[in-house]
Amino acid sequence: MSRVFTVHFSFKEKTYTALVSFRSQGYELSYLVRYLDKEINTLIPGNKLLVSLSGGIEYPHLANKLAQDLVYQTTEAINGYLLLHEV
């Protein structure tokens, strides 16, 4: 199953939008995030974020504190969406 949706989140005192592709294959759940703003795209290697949800959220290794904050804000927005829409 695959589902695509957008989330809005605050980061550095601005509101941004990301496109999220949420997938489940058997017991494996993951999502791919593509940021729609060029300014924050540069913070994430490869301009996209792939997160596996099996066993909890696994944050990718990001040395930059700003990138870690971006991932946190994005994850919070996705969690809120998933809870609200009961995905």
Protein backbone atom coordinates (compact mmCIF):
# COMPACT_ATOMS: atom_id res chain seq x y z
CA MET A 1 0.00 0.00 0.00
CA SER A 2 1.24 3.47 -0.82
CA ARG A 3 -0.24 6.80 0.14
CA VAL A 4 0.91 10.30 -0.79
CA PHE A 5 0.08 13.43 1.19
CA THR A 6 1.51 16.82 2.08
CA VAL A 7 2.41 18.17 5.49
CA HIS A 8 3.07 21.71 6.60
CA PHE A 9 5.51 22.44 9.40
CA SER A 10 7.31 25.33 11.03
CA PHE A 11 11.07 25.59 10.77
CA LYS A 12 13.28 28.63 11.33
CA GLU A 13 10.21 30.81 11.93
CA LYS A 14 8.69 29.98 8.52
CA THR A 15 6.10 27.48 7.32
CA TYR A 16 7.26 24.88 4.82
CA THR A 17 5.58 22.08 2.88
CA ALA A 18 6.82 18.56 2.23
CA LEU A 19 5.45 15.79 0.03
CA VAL A 20 5.30 12.47 1.87
CA SER A 21 4.99 9.04 0.30
CA PHE A 22 3.98 6.56 3.01
CA ARG A 23 4.45 2.88 2.15
CA SER A 24 3.78 -0.43 3.81
CA GLN A 25 5.04 -3.77 2.55
CA GLY A 26 4.08 -6.56 4.89
CA TYR A 27 5.22 -5.44 8.32
CA GLU A 28 7.67 -2.87 7.00
CA LEU A 29 6.47 0.74 7.14
CA SER A 30 8.45 3.62 5.69
CA TYR A 31 8.04 7.07 4.30
CA LEU A 32 9.90 9.16 1.77
CA VAL A 33 9.90 12.92 2.28
CA ARG A 34 10.61 15.42 -0.48
CA TYR A 35 10.90 19.03 0.57
CA LEU A 36 9.30 21.53 -1.80
CA ASP A 37 11.51 24.47 -0.81
CA LYS A 38 15.02 24.78 -2.24
CA GLU A 39 16.29 26.53 0.89
CA ILE A 40 15.80 23.48 3.11
CA ASN A 41 16.55 20.89 0.41
CA THR A 42 20.24 21.65 0.82
CA LEU A 43 20.17 20.56 4.48
CA ILE A 44 19.33 16.93 3.69
CA PRO A 45 21.78 14.77 1.73
CA GLY A 46 20.18 13.76 -1.59
CA ASN A 47 17.35 16.31 -1.08
CA LYS A 48 15.06 13.63 0.31
CA LEU A 49 14.55 11.78 3.55
CA LEU A 50 13.78 8.07 3.80
CA VAL A 51 12.68 6.83 7.22
CA SER A 52 11.80 3.30 8.29
CA LEU A 53 9.17 2.97 11.00
CA SER A 54 9.73 -0.67 11.97
CA GLY A 55 10.77 -0.78 15.60
CA GLY A 56 10.28 2.96 15.99
CA ILE A 57 11.46 5.97 14.06
CA GLU A 58 15.06 5.71 12.99
CA TYR A 59 16.58 9.13 12.44
CA PRO A 60 19.21 9.20 9.76
CA HIS A 61 22.71 10.22 10.85
CA LEU A 62 22.87 13.96 10.36
CA ALA A 63 25.91 15.82 11.65
CA ASN A 64 24.34 19.25 11.20
CA LYS A 65 22.13 20.45 14.11
CA LEU A 66 19.96 22.44 11.70
CA ALA A 67 19.29 19.29 9.63
CA GLN A 68 18.44 17.37 12.82
CA ASP A 69 15.93 20.09 13.77
CA LEU A 70 14.42 19.93 10.28
CA VAL A 71 14.00 16.14 10.54
CA TYR A 72 12.42 16.51 13.99
CA GLN A 73 9.90 19.15 12.82
CA THR A 74 9.08 17.11 9.73
CA THR A 75 8.57 13.94 11.76
CA GLU A 76 6.30 15.74 14.21
CA ALA A 77 4.15 17.02 11.33
CA ILE A 78 3.95 13.54 9.79
CA ASN A 79 3.05 11.96 13.13
CA GLY A 80 0.29 14.54 13.58
CA TYR A 81 -1.06 13.81 10.11
CA LEU A 82 -1.00 10.05 10.64
CA LEU A 83 -2.78 10.33 14.00
CA LEU A 84 -5.40 12.70 12.62
CA HIS A 85 -6.11 10.57 9.54
CA GLU A 86 -5.64 7.20 11.28
CA VAL A 87 -3.33 5.84 8.62
